[in-house]
Amino acid sequence: AAISWSGANIHYADSVKGRFTISRDNAKNTVYLQMN
């Protein structure tokens, strides 16, 4: 998965689409990958 610096653009591999979620919190200087 990938995410732009603003979070406006996101893209996932087909193998994880619908199961994984990428996000970022710039205030915390942290990027996340939620895997379900």
ModelCIF file with pLDDT and N, C-alpha, C, O atoms, coordinates in Angstrom:
data_MODEL
#
_entry.id   MODEL 
#
_entity.id                         1 
_entity.type                       polymer 
_entity.pdbx_number_of_molecules   1 
#
_entity_poly.entity_id                      1 
_entity_poly.type                           'polypeptide(L)' 
_entity_poly.nstd_linkage                   no 
_entity_poly.nstd_monomer                   no 
_entity_poly.pdbx_seq_one_letter_code       AAISWSGANIHYADSVKGRFTISRDNAKNTVYLQMN 
_entity_poly.pdbx_seq_one_letter_code_can   AAISWSGANIHYADSVKGRFTISRDNAKNTVYLQMN 
_entity_poly.pdbx_strand_id                 A 
#
loop_
_entity_poly_seq.entity_id 
_entity_poly_seq.num 
_entity_poly_seq.mon_id 
_entity_poly_seq.hetero 
1 1  ALA n 
1 2  ALA n 
1 3  ILE n 
1 4  SER n 
1 5  TRP n 
1 6  SER n 
1 7  GLY n 
1 8  ALA n 
1 9  ASN n 
1 10 ILE n 
1 11 HIS n 
1 12 TYR n 
1 13 ALA n 
1 14 ASP n 
1 15 SER n 
1 16 VAL n 
1 17 LYS n 
1 18 GLY n 
1 19 ARG n 
1 20 PHE n 
1 21 THR n 
1 22 ILE n 
1 23 SER n 
1 24 ARG n 
1 25 ASP n 
1 26 ASN n 
1 27 ALA n 
1 28 LYS n 
1 29 ASN n 
1 30 THR n 
1 31 VAL n 
1 32 TYR n 
1 33 LEU n 
1 34 GLN n 
1 35 MET n 
1 36 ASN n 
#
_struct_asym.id          A 
_struct_asym.entity_id   1 
#
loop_
_ma_qa_metric.id 
_ma_qa_metric.mode 
_ma_qa_metric.name 
_ma_qa_metric.software_group_id 
_ma_qa_metric.type 
1 global pLDDT . pLDDT 
2 local  pLDDT . pLDDT 
#
_ma_qa_metric_global.metric_id      1 
_ma_qa_metric_global.metric_value   94.19 
_ma_qa_metric_global.model_id       1 
_ma_qa_metric_global.ordinal_id     1 
#
loop_
_ma_qa_metric_local.label_asym_id 
_ma_qa_metric_local.label_comp_id 
_ma_qa_metric_local.label_seq_id 
_ma_qa_metric_local.metric_id 
_ma_qa_metric_local.metric_value 
_ma_qa_metric_local.model_id 
_ma_qa_metric_local.ordinal_id 
A ALA 1  2 97.00 1 1  
A ALA 2  2 96.00 1 2  
A ILE 3  2 95.00 1 3  
A SER 4  2 93.00 1 4  
A TRP 5  2 88.00 1 5  
A SER 6  2 88.00 1 6  
A GLY 7  2 90.00 1 7  
A ALA 8  2 92.00 1 8  
A ASN 9  2 94.00 1 9  
A ILE 10 2 96.00 1 10 
A HIS 11 2 95.00 1 11 
A TYR 12 2 97.00 1 12 
A ALA 13 2 96.00 1 13 
A ASP 14 2 96.00 1 14 
A SER 15 2 95.00 1 15 
A VAL 16 2 97.00 1 16 
A LYS 17 2 97.00 1 17 
A GLY 18 2 97.00 1 18 
A ARG 19 2 98.00 1 19 
A PHE 20 2 98.00 1 20 
A THR 21 2 98.00 1 21 
A ILE 22 2 98.00 1 22 
A SER 23 2 96.00 1 23 
A ARG 24 2 92.00 1 24 
A ASP 25 2 90.00 1 25 
A ASN 26 2 83.00 1 26 
A ALA 27 2 85.00 1 27 
A LYS 28 2 89.00 1 28 
A ASN 29 2 88.00 1 29 
A THR 30 2 93.00 1 30 
A VAL 31 2 95.00 1 31 
A TYR 32 2 97.00 1 32 
A LEU 33 2 98.00 1 33 
A GLN 34 2 98.00 1 34 
A MET 35 2 98.00 1 35 
A ASN 36 2 98.00 1 36 
#
loop_
_atom_site.group_PDB 
_atom_site.id 
_atom_site.type_symbol 
_atom_site.label_atom_id 
_atom_site.label_alt_id 
_atom_site.label_comp_id 
_atom_site.label_asym_id 
_atom_site.label_entity_id 
_atom_site.label_seq_id 
_atom_site.pdbx_PDB_ins_code 
_atom_site.Cartn_x 
_atom_site.Cartn_y 
_atom_site.Cartn_z 
_atom_site.occupancy 
_atom_site.B_iso_or_equiv 
_atom_site.pdbx_formal_charge 
_atom_site.auth_seq_id 
_atom_site.auth_comp_id 
_atom_site.auth_asym_id 
_atom_site.auth_atom_id 
_atom_site.pdbx_PDB_model_num 
ATOM 1   N N  . ALA A 1 1  ? 0.838   -1.199 0.000  1.00 97.00 ? 1  ALA A N  1 
ATOM 2   C CA . ALA A 1 1  ? 0.000   0.000  0.000  1.00 97.00 ? 1  ALA A CA 1 
ATOM 3   C C  . ALA A 1 1  ? 0.867   1.242  0.000  1.00 97.00 ? 1  ALA A C  1 
ATOM 4   O O  . ALA A 1 1  ? 2.017   1.205  0.439  1.00 97.00 ? 1  ALA A O  1 
ATOM 5   N N  . ALA A 1 2  ? 0.314   2.350  -0.496 1.00 96.00 ? 2  ALA A N  1 
ATOM 6   C CA . ALA A 1 2  ? 1.024   3.626  -0.512 1.00 96.00 ? 2  ALA A CA 1 
ATOM 7   C C  . ALA A 1 2  ? 0.057   4.751  -0.184 1.00 96.00 ? 2  ALA A C  1 
ATOM 8   O O  . ALA A 1 2  ? -1.144  4.649  -0.432 1.00 96.00 ? 2  ALA A O  1 
ATOM 9   N N  . ILE A 1 3  ? 0.599   5.828  0.378  1.00 95.00 ? 3  ILE A N  1 
ATOM 10  C CA . ILE A 1 3  ? -0.201  6.990  0.734  1.00 95.00 ? 3  ILE A CA 1 
ATOM 11  C C  . ILE A 1 3  ? 0.624   8.246  0.507  1.00 95.00 ? 3  ILE A C  1 
ATOM 12  O O  . ILE A 1 3  ? 1.803   8.286  0.858  1.00 95.00 ? 3  ILE A O  1 
ATOM 13  N N  . SER A 1 4  ? 0.011   9.277  -0.080 1.00 93.00 ? 4  SER A N  1 
ATOM 14  C CA . SER A 1 4  ? 0.696   10.537 -0.299 1.00 93.00 ? 4  SER A CA 1 
ATOM 15  C C  . SER A 1 4  ? 0.891   11.265 1.024  1.00 93.00 ? 4  SER A C  1 
ATOM 16  O O  . SER A 1 4  ? 0.313   10.884 2.042  1.00 93.00 ? 4  SER A O  1 
ATOM 17  N N  . TRP A 1 5  ? 1.707   12.313 1.004  1.00 88.00 ? 5  TRP A N  1 
ATOM 18  C CA . TRP A 1 5  ? 2.022   13.010 2.252  1.00 88.00 ? 5  TRP A CA 1 
ATOM 19  C C  . TRP A 1 5  ? 0.784   13.612 2.903  1.00 88.00 ? 5  TRP A C  1 
ATOM 20  O O  . TRP A 1 5  ? 0.708   13.691 4.129  1.00 88.00 ? 5  TRP A O  1 
ATOM 21  N N  . SER A 1 6  ? -0.184  14.036 2.098  1.00 88.00 ? 6  SER A N  1 
ATOM 22  C CA . SER A 1 6  ? -1.403  14.631 2.634  1.00 88.00 ? 6  SER A CA 1 
ATOM 23  C C  . SER A 1 6  ? -2.461  13.590 2.993  1.00 88.00 ? 6  SER A C  1 
ATOM 24  O O  . SER A 1 6  ? -3.428  13.901 3.689  1.00 88.00 ? 6  SER A O  1 
ATOM 25  N N  . GLY A 1 7  ? -2.283  12.361 2.523  1.00 90.00 ? 7  GLY A N  1 
ATOM 26  C CA . GLY A 1 7  ? -3.287  11.338 2.722  1.00 90.00 ? 7  GLY A CA 1 
ATOM 27  C C  . GLY A 1 7  ? -4.397  11.352 1.695  1.00 90.00 ? 7  GLY A C  1 
ATOM 28  O O  . GLY A 1 7  ? -5.324  10.547 1.784  1.00 90.00 ? 7  GLY A O  1 
ATOM 29  N N  . ALA A 1 8  ? -4.328  12.260 0.710  1.00 92.00 ? 8  ALA A N  1 
ATOM 30  C CA . ALA A 1 8  ? -5.380  12.381 -0.283 1.00 92.00 ? 8  ALA A CA 1 
ATOM 31  C C  . ALA A 1 8  ? -5.351  11.257 -1.312 1.00 92.00 ? 8  ALA A C  1 
ATOM 32  O O  . ALA A 1 8  ? -6.378  10.950 -1.918 1.00 92.00 ? 8  ALA A O  1 
ATOM 33  N N  . ASN A 1 9  ? -4.198  10.643 -1.518 1.00 94.00 ? 9  ASN A N  1 
ATOM 34  C CA . ASN A 1 9  ? -4.044  9.589  -2.513 1.00 94.00 ? 9  ASN A CA 1 
ATOM 35  C C  . ASN A 1 9  ? -3.588  8.307  -1.834 1.00 94.00 ? 9  ASN A C  1 
ATOM 36  O O  . ASN A 1 9  ? -2.615  8.303  -1.080 1.00 94.00 ? 9  ASN A O  1 
ATOM 37  N N  . ILE A 1 10 ? -4.300  7.218  -2.108 1.00 96.00 ? 10 ILE A N  1 
ATOM 38  C CA . ILE A 1 10 ? -4.021  5.918  -1.512 1.00 96.00 ? 10 ILE A CA 1 
ATOM 39  C C  . ILE A 1 10 ? -4.180  4.837  -2.568 1.00 96.00 ? 10 ILE A C  1 
ATOM 40  O O  . ILE A 1 10 ? -5.076  4.914  -3.409 1.00 96.00 ? 10 ILE A O  1 
ATOM 41  N N  . HIS A 1 11 ? -3.316  3.831  -2.530 1.00 95.00 ? 11 HIS A N  1 
ATOM 42  C CA . HIS A 1 11 ? -3.395  2.723  -3.467 1.00 95.00 ? 11 HIS A CA 1 
ATOM 43  C C  . HIS A 1 11 ? -2.997  1.431  -2.753 1.00 95.00 ? 11 HIS A C  1 
ATOM 44  O O  . HIS A 1 11 ? -2.083  1.426  -1.929 1.00 95.00 ? 11 HIS A O  1 
ATOM 45  N N  . TYR A 1 12 ? -3.696  0.327  -3.078 1.00 97.00 ? 12 TYR A N  1 
ATOM 46  C CA . TYR A 1 12 ? -3.443  -0.965 -2.469 1.00 97.00 ? 12 TYR A CA 1 
ATOM 47  C C  . TYR A 1 12 ? -3.146  -2.026 -3.524 1.00 97.00 ? 12 TYR A C  1 
ATOM 48  O O  . TYR A 1 12 ? -3.632  -1.958 -4.653 1.00 97.00 ? 12 TYR A O  1 
ATOM 49  N N  . ALA A 1 13 ? -2.345  -2.996 -3.133 1.00 96.00 ? 13 ALA A N  1 
ATOM 50  C CA . ALA A 1 13 ? -2.193  -4.187 -3.956 1.00 96.00 ? 13 ALA A CA 1 
ATOM 51  C C  . ALA A 1 13 ? -3.493  -4.978 -3.941 1.00 96.00 ? 13 ALA A C  1 
ATOM 52  O O  . ALA A 1 13 ? -4.212  -4.977 -2.942 1.00 96.00 ? 13 ALA A O  1 
ATOM 53  N N  . ASP A 1 14 ? -3.796  -5.655 -5.048 1.00 96.00 ? 14 ASP A N  1 
ATOM 54  C CA . ASP A 1 14 ? -5.030  -6.419 -5.128 1.00 96.00 ? 14 ASP A CA 1 
ATOM 55  C C  . ASP A 1 14 ? -5.116  -7.495 -4.044 1.00 96.00 ? 14 ASP A C  1 
ATOM 56  O O  . ASP A 1 14 ? -6.209  -7.826 -3.584 1.00 96.00 ? 14 ASP A O  1 
ATOM 57  N N  . SER A 1 15 ? -3.982  -8.034 -3.640 1.00 95.00 ? 15 SER A N  1 
ATOM 58  C CA . SER A 1 15 ? -3.966  -9.117 -2.675 1.00 95.00 ? 15 SER A CA 1 
ATOM 59  C C  . SER A 1 15 ? -4.439  -8.705 -1.286 1.00 95.00 ? 15 SER A C  1 
ATOM 60  O O  . SER A 1 15 ? -4.832  -9.558 -0.491 1.00 95.00 ? 15 SER A O  1 
ATOM 61  N N  . VAL A 1 16 ? -4.407  -7.402 -0.980 1.00 97.00 ? 16 VAL A N  1 
ATOM 62  C CA . VAL A 1 16 ? -4.798  -6.939 0.348  1.00 97.00 ? 16 VAL A CA 1 
ATOM 63  C C  . VAL A 1 16 ? -5.974  -5.974 0.319  1.00 97.00 ? 16 VAL A C  1 
ATOM 64  O O  . VAL A 1 16 ? -6.460  -5.572 1.376  1.00 97.00 ? 16 VAL A O  1 
ATOM 65  N N  . LYS A 1 17 ? -6.434  -5.598 -0.849 1.00 97.00 ? 17 LYS A N  1 
ATOM 66  C CA . LYS A 1 17 ? -7.534  -4.639 -0.964 1.00 97.00 ? 17 LYS A CA 1 
ATOM 67  C C  . LYS A 1 17 ? -8.777  -5.174 -0.256 1.00 97.00 ? 17 LYS A C  1 
ATOM 68  O O  . LYS A 1 17 ? -9.168  -6.325 -0.452 1.00 97.00 ? 17 LYS A O  1 
ATOM 69  N N  . GLY A 1 18 ? -9.386  -4.331 0.561  1.00 97.00 ? 18 GLY A N  1 
ATOM 70  C CA . GLY A 1 18 ? -10.551 -4.723 1.324  1.00 97.00 ? 18 GLY A CA 1 
ATOM 71  C C  . GLY A 1 18 ? -10.227 -5.305 2.679  1.00 97.00 ? 18 GLY A C  1 
ATOM 72  O O  . GLY A 1 18 ? -11.120 -5.444 3.515  1.00 97.00 ? 18 GLY A O  1 
ATOM 73  N N  . ARG A 1 19 ? -8.966  -5.651 2.922  1.00 98.00 ? 19 ARG A N  1 
ATOM 74  C CA . ARG A 1 19 ? -8.548  -6.209 4.204  1.00 98.00 ? 19 ARG A CA 1 
ATOM 75  C C  . ARG A 1 19 ? -7.599  -5.289 4.962  1.00 98.00 ? 19 ARG A C  1 
ATOM 76  O O  . ARG A 1 19 ? -7.664  -5.209 6.189  1.00 98.00 ? 19 ARG A O  1 
ATOM 77  N N  . PHE A 1 20 ? -6.718  -4.595 4.247  1.00 98.00 ? 20 PHE A N  1 
ATOM 78  C CA . PHE A 1 20 ? -5.725  -3.719 4.864  1.00 98.00 ? 20 PHE A CA 1 
ATOM 79  C C  . PHE A 1 20 ? -6.095  -2.260 4.632  1.00 98.00 ? 20 PHE A C  1 
ATOM 80  O O  . PHE A 1 20 ? -6.699  -1.922 3.613  1.00 98.00 ? 20 PHE A O  1 
ATOM 81  N N  . THR A 1 21 ? -5.733  -1.395 5.579  1.00 98.00 ? 21 THR A N  1 
ATOM 82  C CA . THR A 1 21 ? -5.974  0.031  5.467  1.00 98.00 ? 21 THR A CA 1 
ATOM 83  C C  . THR A 1 21 ? -4.719  0.798  5.865  1.00 98.00 ? 21 THR A C  1 
ATOM 84  O O  . THR A 1 21 ? -4.191  0.606  6.961  1.00 98.00 ? 21 THR A O  1 
ATOM 85  N N  . ILE A 1 22 ? -4.243  1.665  4.979  1.00 98.00 ? 22 ILE A N  1 
ATOM 86  C CA . ILE A 1 22 ? -3.100  2.513  5.279  1.00 98.00 ? 22 ILE A CA 1 
ATOM 87  C C  . ILE A 1 22 ? -3.599  3.899  5.674  1.00 98.00 ? 22 ILE A C  1 
ATOM 88  O O  . ILE A 1 22 ? -4.568  4.399  5.103  1.00 98.00 ? 22 ILE A O  1 
ATOM 89  N N  . SER A 1 23 ? -2.946  4.511  6.638  1.00 96.00 ? 23 SER A N  1 
ATOM 90  C CA . SER A 1 23 ? -3.302  5.855  7.071  1.00 96.00 ? 23 SER A CA 1 
ATOM 91  C C  . SER A 1 23 ? -2.067  6.525  7.653  1.00 96.00 ? 23 SER A C  1 
ATOM 92  O O  . SER A 1 23 ? -1.060  5.868  7.913  1.00 96.00 ? 23 SER A O  1 
ATOM 93  N N  . ARG A 1 24 ? -2.150  7.828  7.855  1.00 92.00 ? 24 ARG A N  1 
ATOM 94  C CA . ARG A 1 24 ? -1.038  8.532  8.484  1.00 92.00 ? 24 ARG A CA 1 
ATOM 95  C C  . ARG A 1 24 ? -1.555  9.658  9.355  1.00 92.00 ? 24 ARG A C  1 
ATOM 96  O O  . ARG A 1 24 ? -2.592  10.261 9.076  1.00 92.00 ? 24 ARG A O  1 
ATOM 97  N N  . ASP A 1 25 ? -0.819  9.927  10.406 1.00 90.00 ? 25 ASP A N  1 
ATOM 98  C CA . ASP A 1 25 ? -1.124  11.008 11.327 1.00 90.00 ? 25 ASP A CA 1 
ATOM 99  C C  . ASP A 1 25 ? 0.130   11.858 11.420 1.00 90.00 ? 25 ASP A C  1 
ATOM 100 O O  . ASP A 1 25 ? 1.044   11.548 12.185 1.00 90.00 ? 25 ASP A O  1 
ATOM 101 N N  . ASN A 1 26 ? 0.172   12.928 10.642 1.00 83.00 ? 26 ASN A N  1 
ATOM 102 C CA . ASN A 1 26 ? 1.383   13.745 10.582 1.00 83.00 ? 26 ASN A CA 1 
ATOM 103 C C  . ASN A 1 26 ? 1.667   14.454 11.903 1.00 83.00 ? 26 ASN A C  1 
ATOM 104 O O  . ASN A 1 26 ? 2.821   14.751 12.211 1.00 83.00 ? 26 ASN A O  1 
ATOM 105 N N  . ALA A 1 27 ? 0.630   14.726 12.678 1.00 85.00 ? 27 ALA A N  1 
ATOM 106 C CA . ALA A 1 27 ? 0.837   15.340 13.987 1.00 85.00 ? 27 ALA A CA 1 
ATOM 107 C C  . ALA A 1 27 ? 1.631   14.424 14.905 1.00 85.00 ? 27 ALA A C  1 
ATOM 108 O O  . ALA A 1 27 ? 2.346   14.898 15.788 1.00 85.00 ? 27 ALA A O  1 
ATOM 109 N N  . LYS A 1 28 ? 1.511   13.109 14.703 1.00 89.00 ? 28 LYS A N  1 
ATOM 110 C CA . LYS A 1 28 ? 2.241   12.125 15.494 1.00 89.00 ? 28 LYS A CA 1 
ATOM 111 C C  . LYS A 1 28 ? 3.440   11.554 14.751 1.00 89.00 ? 28 LYS A C  1 
ATOM 112 O O  . LYS A 1 28 ? 4.137   10.683 15.272 1.00 89.00 ? 28 LYS A O  1 
ATOM 113 N N  . ASN A 1 29 ? 3.684   12.040 13.532 1.00 88.00 ? 29 ASN A N  1 
ATOM 114 C CA . ASN A 1 29 ? 4.805   11.558 12.714 1.00 88.00 ? 29 ASN A CA 1 
ATOM 115 C C  . ASN A 1 29 ? 4.759   10.041 12.546 1.00 88.00 ? 29 ASN A C  1 
ATOM 116 O O  . ASN A 1 29 ? 5.781   9.365  12.658 1.00 88.00 ? 29 ASN A O  1 
ATOM 117 N N  . THR A 1 30 ? 3.570   9.516  12.277 1.00 93.00 ? 30 THR A N  1 
ATOM 118 C CA . THR A 1 30 ? 3.377   8.071  12.249 1.00 93.00 ? 30 THR A CA 1 
ATOM 119 C C  . THR A 1 30 ? 2.495   7.651  11.074 1.00 93.00 ? 30 THR A C  1 
ATOM 120 O O  . THR A 1 30 ? 1.507   8.313  10.758 1.00 93.00 ? 30 THR A O  1 
ATOM 121 N N  . VAL A 1 31 ? 2.867   6.544  10.434 1.00 95.00 ? 31 VAL A N  1 
ATOM 122 C CA . VAL A 1 31 ? 2.078   5.906  9.388  1.00 95.00 ? 31 VAL A CA 1 
ATOM 123 C C  . VAL A 1 31 ? 1.620   4.552  9.911  1.00 95.00 ? 31 VAL A C  1 
ATOM 124 O O  . VAL A 1 31 ? 2.370   3.868  10.607 1.00 95.00 ? 31 VAL A O  1 
ATOM 125 N N  . TYR A 1 32 ? 0.389   4.163  9.579  1.00 97.00 ? 32 TYR A N  1 
ATOM 126 C CA . TYR A 1 32 ? -0.192  2.931  10.093 1.00 97.00 ? 32 TYR A CA 1 
ATOM 127 C C  . TYR A 1 32 ? -0.588  1.996  8.962  1.00 97.00 ? 32 TYR A C  1 
ATOM 128 O O  . TYR A 1 32 ? -0.864  2.425  7.842  1.00 97.00 ? 32 TYR A O  1 
ATOM 129 N N  . LEU A 1 33 ? -0.611  0.712  9.282  1.00 98.00 ? 33 LEU A N  1 
ATOM 130 C CA . LEU A 1 33 ? -1.187  -0.291 8.404  1.00 98.00 ? 33 LEU A CA 1 
ATOM 131 C C  . LEU A 1 33 ? -2.079  -1.188 9.258  1.00 98.00 ? 33 LEU A C  1 
ATOM 132 O O  . LEU A 1 33 ? -1.586  -2.022 10.018 1.00 98.00 ? 33 LEU A O  1 
ATOM 133 N N  . GLN A 1 34 ? -3.389  -1.014 9.129  1.00 98.00 ? 34 GLN A N  1 
ATOM 134 C CA . GLN A 1 34 ? -4.348  -1.862 9.821  1.00 98.00 ? 34 GLN A CA 1 
ATOM 135 C C  . GLN A 1 34 ? -4.600  -3.092 8.969  1.00 98.00 ? 34 GLN A C  1 
ATOM 136 O O  . GLN A 1 34 ? -4.996  -2.974 7.809  1.00 98.00 ? 34 GLN A O  1 
ATOM 137 N N  . MET A 1 35 ? -4.373  -4.271 9.532  1.00 98.00 ? 35 MET A N  1 
ATOM 138 C CA . MET A 1 35 ? -4.496  -5.523 8.805  1.00 98.00 ? 35 MET A CA 1 
ATOM 139 C C  . MET A 1 35 ? -5.592  -6.362 9.444  1.00 98.00 ? 35 MET A C  1 
ATOM 140 O O  . MET A 1 35 ? -5.479  -6.759 10.603 1.00 98.00 ? 35 MET A O  1 
ATOM 141 N N  . ASN A 1 36 ? -6.651  -6.631 8.692  1.00 98.00 ? 36 ASN A N  1 
ATOM 142 C CA . ASN A 1 36 ? -7.769  -7.438 9.151  1.00 98.00 ? 36 ASN A CA 1 
ATOM 143 C C  . ASN A 1 36 ? -7.892  -8.700 8.303  1.00 98.00 ? 36 ASN A C  1 
ATOM 144 O O  . ASN A 1 36 ? -8.783  -9.516 8.536  1.00 98.00 ? 36 ASN A O  1 
#
